[in-house]
Amino acid sequence: MNSSLSNPTVRASSLNSELTSSLRDAIITGEIKQGSRLSETKLAKRFDVSRGPLREAIRRLEGMNLVSHRPQQGVRVVTLDADLILQIYDAREALESKAVALAAQVMSSAEIDELHRLIDAQTKQMRENDGAHVPAESDYAFHELVIRGSQNKVITHALLEEIYHLIKMFRYQTLAAKHSSTNSLIEHRQIVYAIEQRDPVLAEVTMRRHIVHARDRIKQRLERASNQTEIDS
């Protein structure tokens, strides 16, 4: 037996991580609904765990901004209304444009090569589907590599451990937002070019434009959905 697995502290940490991942994924996919209250009793029974690991997992989810404590209401899953979505994209624009500027200065050649491989994979995926979209998971992989390439732990944590969980939640639960547009692939190539040229200013401007375009598309979709709801009501 692996000696580390026989250590109670290690086993507890592993259980907490697994439970956190399971709850996180259930929230992101909508299996646990937005705005719903997290019942410790029901969740403990569902996942066959005690209250201790469950409370630790919920604490971690709160750190990801996926749940929050409300007075007299307990812990509830975040509700992604239009204002919050646009605020999330504003924060993403500020942080990720800085991340790519840093990446242009410090990213390794091997990491840049990996960006090229991801773009090649995106091109292939587009040929194999309807030719109009970049699949969401491929898009995440590209942005995650750029963010980690910044070598800035604070920015990386804020984006990948907080903001991107909310973005994934929105995109997963919104049919029209599950894929990036064809223009995203072109913009990805422009971002990689700027990084390859070791030009932080060009990289920042290019990433900022890329995220603003995404935000504008989302805003238009949200407005259309709101108008349709008003008509239907």
C-alpha atoms as a PDB file:
ATOM      1  CA  MET A   1       0.000   0.000   0.000  1.00  0.00           C
ATOM      2  CA  ASN A   2       1.168   3.531  -0.757  1.00  0.00           C
ATOM      3  CA  SER A   3       2.398   4.885   2.582  1.00  0.00           C
ATOM      4  CA  SER A   4       0.949   8.319   1.845  1.00  0.00           C
ATOM      5  CA  LEU A   5      -2.548   6.848   1.489  1.00  0.00           C
ATOM      6  CA  SER A   6      -2.271   5.280   4.953  1.00  0.00           C
ATOM      7  CA  ASN A   7      -1.701   8.744   6.434  1.00  0.00           C
ATOM      8  CA  PRO A   8      -5.038  10.065   7.832  1.00  0.00           C
ATOM      9  CA  THR A   9      -4.149  13.652   6.949  1.00  0.00           C
ATOM     10  CA  VAL A  10      -3.391  12.730   3.337  1.00  0.00           C
ATOM     11  CA  ARG A  11      -6.588  10.655   3.084  1.00  0.00           C
ATOM     12  CA  ALA A  12      -8.651  13.544   4.462  1.00  0.00           C
ATOM     13  CA  SER A  13      -7.060  15.991   2.026  1.00  0.00           C
ATOM     14  CA  SER A  14      -7.736  13.633  -0.882  1.00  0.00           C
ATOM     15  CA  LEU A  15     -11.366  13.202   0.182  1.00  0.00           C
ATOM     16  CA  ASN A  16     -11.830  16.961   0.508  1.00  0.00           C
ATOM     17  CA  SER A  17     -10.377  17.526  -2.967  1.00  0.00           C
ATOM     18  CA  GLU A  18     -12.544  14.837  -4.557  1.00  0.00           C
ATOM     19  CA  LEU A  19     -15.669  16.092  -2.829  1.00  0.00           C
ATOM     20  CA  THR A  20     -14.929  19.690  -3.793  1.00  0.00           C
ATOM     21  CA  SER A  21     -14.433  18.665  -7.435  1.00  0.00           C
ATOM     22  CA  SER A  22     -17.688  16.692  -7.463  1.00  0.00           C
ATOM     23  CA  LEU A  23     -19.687  19.561  -5.981  1.00  0.00           C
ATOM     24  CA  ARG A  24     -17.965  22.111  -8.233  1.00  0.00           C
ATOM     25  CA  ASP A  25     -18.783  20.106 -11.353  1.00  0.00           C
ATOM     26  CA  ALA A  26     -22.389  19.574 -10.234  1.00  0.00           C
ATOM     27  CA  ILE A  27     -22.792  23.347  -9.827  1.00  0.00           C
ATOM     28  CA  ILE A  28     -21.048  24.223 -13.112  1.00  0.00           C
ATOM     29  CA  THR A  29     -23.164  21.770 -15.123  1.00  0.00           C
ATOM     30  CA  GLY A  30     -26.393  22.854 -13.447  1.00  0.00           C
ATOM     31  CA  GLU A  31     -27.004  19.500 -11.764  1.00  0.00           C
ATOM     32  CA  ILE A  32     -27.185  21.612  -8.601  1.00  0.00           C
ATOM     33  CA  LYS A  33     -29.330  24.537  -9.667  1.00  0.00           C
ATOM     34  CA  GLN A  34     -28.431  28.217  -9.478  1.00  0.00           C
ATOM     35  CA  GLY A  35     -29.805  29.832  -6.338  1.00  0.00           C
ATOM     36  CA  SER A  36     -30.520  26.501  -4.673  1.00  0.00           C
ATOM     37  CA  ARG A  37     -29.758  25.948  -0.998  1.00  0.00           C
ATOM     38  CA  LEU A  38     -27.057  23.425  -0.126  1.00  0.00           C
ATOM     39  CA  SER A  39     -28.429  21.034   2.470  1.00  0.00           C
ATOM     40  CA  GLU A  40     -25.618  19.453   4.464  1.00  0.00           C
ATOM     41  CA  THR A  41     -27.866  16.545   5.419  1.00  0.00           C
ATOM     42  CA  LYS A  42     -28.823  15.724   1.820  1.00  0.00           C
ATOM     43  CA  LEU A  43     -25.312  16.232   0.440  1.00  0.00           C
ATOM     44  CA  ALA A  44     -23.719  14.124   3.190  1.00  0.00           C
ATOM     45  CA  LYS A  45     -26.116  11.287   2.351  1.00  0.00           C
ATOM     46  CA  ARG A  46     -25.666  11.717  -1.419  1.00  0.00           C
ATOM     47  CA  PHE A  47     -21.877  11.601  -1.283  1.00  0.00           C
ATOM     48  CA  ASP A  48     -21.671   9.266   1.725  1.00  0.00           C
ATOM     49  CA  VAL A  49     -19.440  11.585   3.726  1.00  0.00           C
ATOM     50  CA  SER A  50     -19.474  13.132   7.182  1.00  0.00           C
ATOM     51  CA  ARG A  51     -20.233  16.788   7.867  1.00  0.00           C
ATOM     52  CA  GLY A  52     -16.543  17.698   8.380  1.00  0.00           C
ATOM     53  CA  PRO A  53     -15.295  17.043   4.817  1.00  0.00           C
ATOM     54  CA  LEU A  54     -18.523  18.458   3.427  1.00  0.00           C
ATOM     55  CA  ARG A  55     -18.134  21.741   5.295  1.00  0.00           C
ATOM     56  CA  GLU A  56     -14.521  22.001   4.112  1.00  0.00           C
ATOM     57  CA  ALA A  57     -15.638  21.411   0.515  1.00  0.00           C
ATOM     58  CA  ILE A  58     -18.322  24.092   0.833  1.00  0.00           C
ATOM     59  CA  ARG A  59     -15.747  26.478   2.263  1.00  0.00           C
ATOM     60  CA  ARG A  60     -13.593  25.872  -0.816  1.00  0.00           C
ATOM     61  CA  LEU A  61     -16.559  26.430  -3.119  1.00  0.00           C
ATOM     62  CA  GLU A  62     -17.166  29.745  -1.381  1.00  0.00           C
ATOM     63  CA  GLY A  63     -13.555  30.662  -2.184  1.00  0.00           C
ATOM     64  CA  MET A  64     -14.350  29.932  -5.849  1.00  0.00           C
ATOM     65  CA  ASN A  65     -17.375  32.278  -5.628  1.00  0.00           C
ATOM     66  CA  LEU A  66     -19.679  29.409  -6.616  1.00  0.00           C
ATOM     67  CA  VAL A  67     -21.638  29.558  -3.349  1.00  0.00           C
ATOM     68  CA  SER A  68     -22.250  32.150  -0.664  1.00  0.00           C
ATOM     69  CA  HIS A  69     -23.681  32.372   2.853  1.00  0.00           C
ATOM     70  CA  ARG A  70     -26.893  34.375   3.110  1.00  0.00           C
ATOM     71  CA  PRO A  71     -28.504  35.508   6.386  1.00  0.00           C
ATOM     72  CA  GLN A  72     -31.377  33.204   7.391  1.00  0.00           C
ATOM     73  CA  GLN A  73     -30.952  31.318   4.096  1.00  0.00           C
ATOM     74  CA  GLY A  74     -27.844  29.232   4.648  1.00  0.00           C
ATOM     75  CA  VAL A  75     -25.437  28.451   1.816  1.00  0.00           C
ATOM     76  CA  ARG A  76     -26.783  28.990  -1.681  1.00  0.00           C
ATOM     77  CA  VAL A  77     -25.395  28.498  -5.166  1.00  0.00           C
ATOM     78  CA  VAL A  78     -24.605  31.723  -6.983  1.00  0.00           C
ATOM     79  CA  THR A  79     -27.172  33.053  -9.449  1.00  0.00           C
ATOM     80  CA  LEU A  80     -25.627  34.317 -12.674  1.00  0.00           C
ATOM     81  CA  ASP A  81     -27.763  37.266 -13.700  1.00  0.00           C
ATOM     82  CA  ALA A  82     -26.858  39.525 -16.614  1.00  0.00           C
ATOM     83  CA  ASP A  83     -25.151  42.182 -14.485  1.00  0.00           C
ATOM     84  CA  LEU A  84     -22.907  39.642 -12.767  1.00  0.00           C
ATOM     85  CA  ILE A  85     -21.939  37.986 -16.065  1.00  0.00           C
ATOM     86  CA  LEU A  86     -20.855  41.309 -17.553  1.00  0.00           C
ATOM     87  CA  GLN A  87     -18.932  42.187 -14.374  1.00  0.00           C
ATOM     88  CA  ILE A  88     -17.147  38.829 -14.595  1.00  0.00           C
ATOM     89  CA  TYR A  89     -16.072  39.604 -18.151  1.00  0.00           C
ATOM     90  CA  ASP A  90     -14.894  43.079 -17.139  1.00  0.00           C
ATOM     91  CA  ALA A  91     -12.696  41.498 -14.465  1.00  0.00           C
ATOM     92  CA  ARG A  92     -11.483  38.865 -16.922  1.00  0.00           C
ATOM     93  CA  GLU A  93     -10.543  41.580 -19.418  1.00  0.00           C
ATOM     94  CA  ALA A  94      -8.444  43.455 -16.859  1.00  0.00           C
ATOM     95  CA  LEU A  95      -6.630  40.415 -15.487  1.00  0.00           C
ATOM     96  CA  GLU A  96      -6.154  38.325 -18.603  1.00  0.00           C
ATOM     97  CA  SER A  97      -4.870  41.192 -20.718  1.00  0.00           C
ATOM     98  CA  LYS A  98      -2.208  41.740 -18.047  1.00  0.00           C
ATOM     99  CA  ALA A  99      -1.503  38.002 -17.927  1.00  0.00           C
ATOM    100  CA  VAL A 100      -0.798  37.825 -21.657  1.00  0.00           C
ATOM    101  CA  ALA A 101       1.455  40.892 -21.480  1.00  0.00           C
ATOM    102  CA  LEU A 102       3.529  39.078 -18.873  1.00  0.00           C
ATOM    103  CA  ALA A 103       3.419  35.840 -20.871  1.00  0.00           C
ATOM    104  CA  ALA A 104       4.860  37.644 -23.890  1.00  0.00           C
ATOM    105  CA  GLN A 105       7.927  38.401 -21.801  1.00  0.00           C
ATOM    106  CA  VAL A 106       8.470  35.125 -19.938  1.00  0.00           C
ATOM    107  CA  MET A 107       6.701  32.293 -21.759  1.00  0.00           C
ATOM    108  CA  SER A 108       9.018  29.489 -22.859  1.00  0.00           C
ATOM    109  CA  SER A 109       9.429  28.352 -26.456  1.00  0.00           C
ATOM    110  CA  ALA A 110       7.964  24.977 -25.510  1.00  0.00           C
ATOM    111  CA  GLU A 111       4.820  26.665 -24.148  1.00  0.00           C
ATOM    112  CA  ILE A 112       4.490  28.740 -27.320  1.00  0.00           C
ATOM    113  CA  ASP A 113       4.805  25.548 -29.366  1.00  0.00           C
ATOM    114  CA  GLU A 114       1.984  24.081 -27.282  1.00  0.00           C
ATOM    115  CA  LEU A 115      -0.181  27.115 -28.114  1.00  0.00           C
ATOM    116  CA  HIS A 116       0.414  26.417 -31.800  1.00  0.00           C
ATOM    117  CA  ARG A 117      -0.594  22.773 -31.291  1.00  0.00           C
ATOM    118  CA  LEU A 118      -3.793  23.861 -29.567  1.00  0.00           C
ATOM    119  CA  ILE A 119      -4.654  26.196 -32.433  1.00  0.00           C
ATOM    120  CA  ASP A 120      -3.975  23.421 -34.947  1.00  0.00           C
ATOM    121  CA  ALA A 121      -6.300  21.174 -32.933  1.00  0.00           C
ATOM    122  CA  GLN A 122      -8.972  23.889 -32.917  1.00  0.00           C
ATOM    123  CA  THR A 123      -8.696  24.218 -36.689  1.00  0.00           C
ATOM    124  CA  LYS A 124      -9.123  20.449 -37.056  1.00  0.00           C
ATOM    125  CA  GLN A 125     -12.096  20.420 -34.688  1.00  0.00           C
ATOM    126  CA  MET A 126     -13.795  23.161 -36.672  1.00  0.00           C
ATOM    127  CA  ARG A 127     -13.360  21.193 -39.891  1.00  0.00           C
ATOM    128  CA  GLU A 128     -14.916  18.154 -38.224  1.00  0.00           C
ATOM    129  CA  ASN A 129     -17.966  19.963 -36.858  1.00  0.00           C
ATOM    130  CA  ASP A 130     -20.069  22.611 -38.553  1.00  0.00           C
ATOM    131  CA  GLY A 131     -17.026  24.768 -39.254  1.00  0.00           C
ATOM    132  CA  ALA A 132     -18.451  27.705 -37.348  1.00  0.00           C
ATOM    133  CA  HIS A 133     -17.285  27.302 -33.756  1.00  0.00           C
ATOM    134  CA  VAL A 134     -14.315  26.618 -31.525  1.00  0.00           C
ATOM    135  CA  PRO A 135     -15.351  23.972 -28.913  1.00  0.00           C
ATOM    136  CA  ALA A 136     -15.431  25.388 -25.398  1.00  0.00           C
ATOM    137  CA  GLU A 137     -12.973  22.933 -23.826  1.00  0.00           C
ATOM    138  CA  SER A 138     -10.361  23.710 -26.468  1.00  0.00           C
ATOM    139  CA  ASP A 139     -10.903  27.416 -25.860  1.00  0.00           C
ATOM    140  CA  TYR A 140     -10.381  26.945 -22.107  1.00  0.00           C
ATOM    141  CA  ALA A 141      -7.170  24.993 -22.700  1.00  0.00           C
ATOM    142  CA  PHE A 142      -5.766  27.808 -24.829  1.00  0.00           C
ATOM    143  CA  HIS A 143      -6.546  30.517 -22.304  1.00  0.00           C
ATOM    144  CA  GLU A 144      -5.337  28.453 -19.361  1.00  0.00           C
ATOM    145  CA  LEU A 145      -1.956  27.930 -21.010  1.00  0.00           C
ATOM    146  CA  VAL A 146      -1.612  31.660 -21.673  1.00  0.00           C
ATOM    147  CA  ILE A 147      -2.615  32.512 -18.096  1.00  0.00           C
ATOM    148  CA  ARG A 148      -0.182  30.017 -16.566  1.00  0.00           C
ATOM    149  CA  GLY A 149       2.460  31.326 -18.946  1.00  0.00           C
ATOM    150  CA  SER A 150       2.296  34.691 -17.169  1.00  0.00           C
ATOM    151  CA  GLN A 151       4.042  33.080 -14.171  1.00  0.00           C
ATOM    152  CA  ASN A 152       2.035  35.405 -11.938  1.00  0.00           C
ATOM    153  CA  LYS A 153       0.526  33.304  -9.148  1.00  0.00           C
ATOM    154  CA  VAL A 154      -1.952  35.951  -7.997  1.00  0.00           C
ATOM    155  CA  ILE A 155      -3.415  36.538 -11.466  1.00  0.00           C
ATOM    156  CA  THR A 156      -3.412  32.812 -12.217  1.00  0.00           C
ATOM    157  CA  HIS A 157      -5.306  32.015  -9.016  1.00  0.00           C
ATOM    158  CA  ALA A 158      -7.858  34.791  -9.523  1.00  0.00           C
ATOM    159  CA  LEU A 159      -8.590  33.705 -13.084  1.00  0.00           C
ATOM    160  CA  LEU A 160      -8.411  29.918 -12.898  1.00  0.00           C
ATOM    161  CA  GLU A 161      -9.683  29.336  -9.356  1.00  0.00           C
ATOM    162  CA  GLU A 162     -12.398  31.976  -9.281  1.00  0.00           C
ATOM    163  CA  ILE A 163     -13.381  33.749 -12.495  1.00  0.00           C
ATOM    164  CA  TYR A 164     -13.127  30.843 -14.925  1.00  0.00           C
ATOM    165  CA  HIS A 165     -15.330  28.573 -12.791  1.00  0.00           C
ATOM    166  CA  LEU A 166     -18.109  31.155 -13.156  1.00  0.00           C
ATOM    167  CA  ILE A 167     -17.449  31.544 -16.887  1.00  0.00           C
ATOM    168  CA  LYS A 168     -17.635  27.769 -17.344  1.00  0.00           C
ATOM    169  CA  MET A 169     -20.851  27.686 -15.336  1.00  0.00           C
ATOM    170  CA  PHE A 170     -22.433  30.341 -17.542  1.00  0.00           C
ATOM    171  CA  ARG A 171     -21.237  28.821 -20.796  1.00  0.00           C
ATOM    172  CA  TYR A 172     -22.181  25.273 -19.843  1.00  0.00           C
ATOM    173  CA  GLN A 173     -25.709  26.256 -18.846  1.00  0.00           C
ATOM    174  CA  THR A 174     -26.320  28.650 -21.739  1.00  0.00           C
ATOM    175  CA  LEU A 175     -26.719  26.884 -25.082  1.00  0.00           C
ATOM    176  CA  ALA A 176     -25.804  29.944 -27.140  1.00  0.00           C
ATOM    177  CA  ALA A 177     -22.578  30.412 -25.185  1.00  0.00           C
ATOM    178  CA  LYS A 178     -21.219  26.845 -25.307  1.00  0.00           C
ATOM    179  CA  HIS A 179     -18.915  27.581 -28.232  1.00  0.00           C
ATOM    180  CA  SER A 180     -16.669  30.463 -29.227  1.00  0.00           C
ATOM    181  CA  SER A 181     -17.218  32.119 -32.592  1.00  0.00           C
ATOM    182  CA  THR A 182     -15.112  31.475 -35.678  1.00  0.00           C
ATOM    183  CA  ASN A 183     -13.423  34.832 -35.137  1.00  0.00           C
ATOM    184  CA  SER A 184     -12.000  33.472 -31.876  1.00  0.00           C
ATOM    185  CA  LEU A 185      -9.644  31.197 -33.810  1.00  0.00           C
ATOM    186  CA  ILE A 186      -8.312  34.152 -35.798  1.00  0.00           C
ATOM    187  CA  GLU A 187      -7.905  36.152 -32.598  1.00  0.00           C
ATOM    188  CA  HIS A 188      -6.121  33.231 -30.921  1.00  0.00           C
ATOM    189  CA  ARG A 189      -3.600  33.230 -33.763  1.00  0.00           C
ATOM    190  CA  GLN A 190      -3.082  36.973 -33.329  1.00  0.00           C
ATOM    191  CA  ILE A 191      -2.495  36.510 -29.598  1.00  0.00           C
ATOM    192  CA  VAL A 192       0.111  33.812 -30.213  1.00  0.00           C
ATOM    193  CA  TYR A 193       1.812  36.000 -32.811  1.00  0.00           C
ATOM    194  CA  ALA A 194       2.125  38.834 -30.281  1.00  0.00           C
ATOM    195  CA  ILE A 195       3.553  36.457 -27.660  1.00  0.00           C
ATOM    196  CA  GLU A 196       5.966  35.008 -30.201  1.00  0.00           C
ATOM    197  CA  GLN A 197       7.145  38.517 -31.087  1.00  0.00           C
ATOM    198  CA  ARG A 198       7.772  39.149 -27.369  1.00  0.00           C
ATOM    199  CA  ASP A 199       5.601  42.251 -27.664  1.00  0.00           C
ATOM    200  CA  PRO A 200       3.707  42.763 -24.372  1.00  0.00           C
ATOM    201  CA  VAL A 201       1.862  45.859 -25.605  1.00  0.00           C
ATOM    202  CA  LEU A 202       0.549  44.129 -28.733  1.00  0.00           C
ATOM    203  CA  ALA A 203      -0.290  41.014 -26.706  1.00  0.00           C
ATOM    204  CA  GLU A 204      -2.280  43.029 -24.171  1.00  0.00           C
ATOM    205  CA  VAL A 205      -4.196  44.985 -26.812  1.00  0.00           C
ATOM    206  CA  THR A 206      -4.972  41.813 -28.771  1.00  0.00           C
ATOM    207  CA  MET A 207      -6.225  39.893 -25.727  1.00  0.00           C
ATOM    208  CA  ARG A 208      -8.272  42.854 -24.526  1.00  0.00           C
ATOM    209  CA  ARG A 209      -9.955  43.110 -27.930  1.00  0.00           C
ATOM    210  CA  HIS A 210     -10.585  39.351 -27.925  1.00  0.00           C
ATOM    211  CA  ILE A 211     -12.350  39.433 -24.548  1.00  0.00           C
ATOM    212  CA  VAL A 212     -14.307  42.608 -25.352  1.00  0.00           C
ATOM    213  CA  HIS A 213     -15.633  40.914 -28.499  1.00  0.00           C
ATOM    214  CA  ALA A 214     -16.735  37.920 -26.407  1.00  0.00           C
ATOM    215  CA  ARG A 215     -18.353  40.215 -23.849  1.00  0.00           C
ATOM    216  CA  ASP A 216     -20.202  42.137 -26.555  1.00  0.00           C
ATOM    217  CA  ARG A 217     -21.545  38.910 -28.093  1.00  0.00           C
ATOM    218  CA  ILE A 218     -22.745  37.745 -24.689  1.00  0.00           C
ATOM    219  CA  LYS A 219     -24.375  41.092 -23.943  1.00  0.00           C
ATOM    220  CA  GLN A 220     -26.279  40.910 -27.227  1.00  0.00           C
ATOM    221  CA  ARG A 221     -27.439  37.356 -26.473  1.00  0.00           C
ATOM    222  CA  LEU A 222     -28.572  38.330 -22.990  1.00  0.00           C
ATOM    223  CA  GLU A 223     -30.477  41.316 -24.345  1.00  0.00           C
ATOM    224  CA  ARG A 224     -32.185  39.175 -26.994  1.00  0.00           C
ATOM    225  CA  ALA A 225     -33.108  36.581 -24.371  1.00  0.00           C
ATOM    226  CA  SER A 226     -34.506  39.301 -22.103  1.00  0.00           C
ATOM    227  CA  ASN A 227     -36.557  40.799 -24.929  1.00  0.00           C
ATOM    228  CA  GLN A 228     -37.908  37.360 -25.853  1.00  0.00           C
ATOM    229  CA  THR A 229     -38.887  36.702 -22.233  1.00  0.00           C
ATOM    230  CA  GLU A 230     -40.789  39.988 -22.137  1.00  0.00           C
ATOM    231  CA  ILE A 231     -42.627  39.054 -25.350  1.00  0.00           C
ATOM    232  CA  ASP A 232     -43.495  35.572 -24.070  1.00  0.00           C
ATOM    233  CA  SER A 233     -44.812  36.958 -20.787  1.00  0.00           C
END
